[in-house]
């Protein structure tokens, strides 16, 4: 009888940890992603930069990060933001619509975005992953201006024509 009670107690102590581990990981992903998109809406680009996973777009694998120093990366990011501003591009709203798991543990957030560009509103979808505690914008590429607000570094930014 003692063994059964011990087994039940161990089960009751250990099993909830497995349930709550996933909950806390999802909560953290949602919090950092919300912080990033809200910073874009608020035009708080310093906070957006701090929460964004940076990687070089010049043929290296994204998980290798960037070769730029922190200061160089921040300057490059601000050039990207200046390009967006010249296009009259502004993040207006976002929604996390779904959490998708691949291979049982890697989670991705499915996002719905509302942006304004030159006075017109557009809705786009994109996928976000949190890598090393930072937002990594990954997918869909519907928005032609995604690369100017995501973590890609080391690519040519065109002169800012106004649309």
Protein backbone atom coordinates (compact mmCIF):
# COMPACT_ATOMS: atom_id res chain seq x y z
CA UNK A 1 0.00 0.00 0.00
CA UNK A 2 2.87 2.37 0.80
CA UNK A 3 4.38 1.78 -2.63
CA UNK A 4 1.14 2.66 -4.34
CA UNK A 5 0.83 5.89 -2.35
CA UNK A 6 4.45 6.80 -3.12
CA UNK A 7 3.94 6.14 -6.84
CA UNK A 8 0.74 8.21 -6.88
CA UNK A 9 2.45 11.08 -5.04
CA UNK A 10 5.41 11.01 -7.41
CA UNK A 11 3.06 10.99 -10.38
CA UNK A 12 1.12 13.94 -8.98
CA UNK A 13 4.33 15.87 -8.36
CA UNK A 14 6.05 15.15 -11.67
CA UNK A 15 3.24 15.02 -14.28
CA UNK A 16 2.04 18.63 -13.86
CA UNK A 17 5.56 19.87 -14.60
CA UNK A 18 5.34 18.43 -18.09
CA UNK A 19 2.03 20.20 -18.66
CA UNK A 20 3.19 23.55 -17.33
CA UNK A 21 6.57 23.52 -19.08
CA UNK A 22 4.84 23.87 -22.44
CA UNK A 23 2.52 26.54 -21.06
CA UNK A 24 5.41 28.68 -19.81
CA UNK A 25 7.38 28.27 -23.05
CA UNK A 26 4.34 29.40 -25.07
CA UNK A 27 3.74 32.30 -22.71
CA UNK A 28 7.35 33.46 -23.09
CA UNK A 29 7.13 33.22 -26.89
CA UNK A 30 3.94 35.26 -26.91
CA UNK A 31 5.39 37.87 -24.54
CA UNK A 32 8.59 38.52 -26.52
CA UNK A 33 6.70 38.52 -29.83
CA UNK A 34 4.10 40.92 -28.47
CA UNK A 35 6.88 43.16 -27.16
CA UNK A 36 8.49 43.28 -30.62
CA UNK A 37 5.34 44.06 -32.61
CA UNK A 38 4.06 46.54 -30.04
CA UNK A 39 7.42 48.33 -30.20
CA UNK A 40 6.98 48.66 -33.98
CA UNK A 41 3.48 50.06 -33.51
CA UNK A 42 4.76 52.49 -30.87
CA UNK A 43 7.74 53.38 -33.10
CA UNK A 44 10.04 52.35 -30.24
CA UNK A 45 12.73 51.03 -32.56
CA UNK A 46 15.34 50.60 -29.82
CA UNK A 47 13.09 48.07 -28.08
CA UNK A 48 12.22 46.40 -31.39
CA UNK A 49 15.93 46.06 -32.15
CA UNK A 50 16.67 44.56 -28.71
CA UNK A 51 13.99 41.89 -29.11
CA UNK A 52 14.86 40.91 -32.69
CA UNK A 53 17.05 37.95 -33.67
CA UNK A 54 19.70 39.24 -36.11
CA UNK A 55 21.30 37.19 -38.88
CA UNK A 56 23.24 37.83 -42.07
CA UNK A 57 21.37 37.54 -45.35
CA UNK A 58 24.51 37.05 -47.45
CA UNK A 59 24.45 33.28 -47.85
CA UNK A 60 25.14 32.24 -44.26
CA UNK A 61 22.66 30.09 -42.38
CA UNK A 62 20.39 32.24 -40.16
CA UNK A 63 21.28 30.30 -36.99
CA UNK A 64 24.85 31.54 -37.43
CA UNK A 65 23.67 35.03 -36.49
CA UNK A 66 25.38 38.14 -37.79
CA UNK A 67 29.01 39.10 -38.17
CA UNK A 68 28.16 42.73 -37.39
CA UNK A 69 28.99 44.22 -34.03
CA UNK A 70 26.09 45.35 -31.85
CA UNK A 71 26.65 48.97 -32.89
CA UNK A 72 26.97 48.14 -36.61
CA UNK A 73 23.83 45.99 -36.45
CA UNK A 74 21.88 48.76 -34.73
CA UNK A 75 22.98 51.31 -37.32
CA UNK A 76 22.00 48.94 -40.13
CA UNK A 77 18.61 48.29 -38.49
CA UNK A 78 17.97 52.02 -38.19
CA UNK A 79 18.79 52.43 -41.92
CA UNK A 80 16.17 49.77 -42.63
CA UNK A 81 13.67 51.65 -40.48
CA UNK A 82 14.52 54.92 -42.27
CA UNK A 83 13.77 53.15 -45.57
CA UNK A 84 10.38 52.03 -44.20
CA UNK A 85 9.61 55.53 -43.02
CA UNK A 86 10.45 56.93 -46.46
CA UNK A 87 7.88 54.45 -47.83
CA UNK A 88 5.32 55.72 -45.31
CA UNK A 89 5.17 52.19 -43.90
CA UNK A 90 3.79 51.70 -40.41
CA UNK A 91 2.76 48.69 -38.37
CA UNK A 92 -0.82 49.27 -37.20
CA UNK A 93 -1.92 46.04 -35.50
CA UNK A 94 -1.04 42.39 -35.02
CA UNK A 95 -2.61 39.21 -33.74
CA UNK A 96 -1.14 35.86 -32.78
CA UNK A 97 -3.61 33.55 -34.48
CA UNK A 98 -2.11 30.13 -33.78
CA UNK A 99 0.78 28.28 -32.21
CA UNK A 100 2.03 25.53 -34.48
CA UNK A 101 4.35 22.74 -33.35
CA UNK A 102 6.70 20.87 -35.63
CA UNK A 103 8.63 17.80 -34.54
CA UNK A 104 6.78 17.81 -31.23
CA UNK A 105 8.63 20.65 -29.54
CA UNK A 106 9.62 23.42 -31.97
CA UNK A 107 6.90 26.05 -31.84
CA UNK A 108 6.05 28.74 -34.34
CA UNK A 109 3.59 31.58 -33.94
CA UNK A 110 1.27 32.28 -36.84
CA UNK A 111 0.74 36.04 -37.06
CA UNK A 112 -1.80 38.27 -38.74
CA UNK A 113 -0.49 41.78 -39.33
CA UNK A 114 -2.11 45.00 -40.33
CA UNK A 115 0.21 47.56 -41.88
CA UNK A 116 -0.28 50.90 -43.51
CA UNK A 117 1.78 51.97 -46.49
CA UNK A 118 1.23 55.34 -48.13
CA UNK A 119 -2.19 55.62 -46.51
CA UNK A 120 -3.43 52.19 -47.65
CA UNK A 121 -4.04 49.35 -45.20
CA UNK A 122 -2.86 45.83 -45.91
CA UNK A 123 -3.20 42.54 -44.05
CA UNK A 124 -0.39 40.02 -44.15
CA UNK A 125 0.43 36.73 -42.49
CA UNK A 126 3.83 35.68 -41.26
CA UNK A 127 5.44 33.08 -39.07
CA UNK A 128 7.56 33.87 -36.03
CA UNK A 129 9.92 31.66 -34.08
CA UNK A 130 11.74 32.62 -30.91
CA UNK A 131 15.43 31.79 -31.16
CA UNK A 132 17.89 32.53 -28.36
CA UNK A 133 15.17 34.51 -26.60
CA UNK A 134 14.55 36.83 -29.55
CA UNK A 135 11.96 37.13 -32.31
CA UNK A 136 12.93 35.49 -35.59
CA UNK A 137 10.53 36.43 -38.38
CA UNK A 138 10.44 33.52 -40.74
CA UNK A 139 7.80 33.04 -43.28
CA UNK A 140 5.30 33.76 -45.92
CA UNK A 141 7.00 36.85 -47.36
CA UNK A 142 3.68 38.35 -48.47
CA UNK A 143 4.73 41.78 -47.26
CA UNK A 144 7.29 43.23 -49.70
CA UNK A 145 8.76 45.28 -46.83
CA UNK A 146 9.32 42.41 -44.36
CA UNK A 147 13.09 42.40 -44.78
CA UNK A 148 13.24 46.05 -43.71
CA UNK A 149 11.71 45.29 -40.30
CA UNK A 150 13.01 41.79 -39.59
CA UNK A 151 16.44 40.63 -38.42
CA UNK A 152 18.16 40.22 -41.79
CA UNK A 153 21.45 42.09 -41.90
CA UNK A 154 24.11 42.76 -44.53
CA UNK A 155 22.12 43.33 -47.69
CA UNK A 156 21.86 46.32 -49.98
CA UNK A 157 19.23 48.84 -48.99
CA UNK A 158 18.09 50.77 -52.05
CA UNK A 159 17.80 54.49 -52.10
CA UNK A 160 14.41 55.26 -50.67
CA UNK A 161 12.05 55.93 -53.58
CA UNK A 162 8.70 57.13 -52.41
CA UNK A 163 5.73 55.02 -53.52
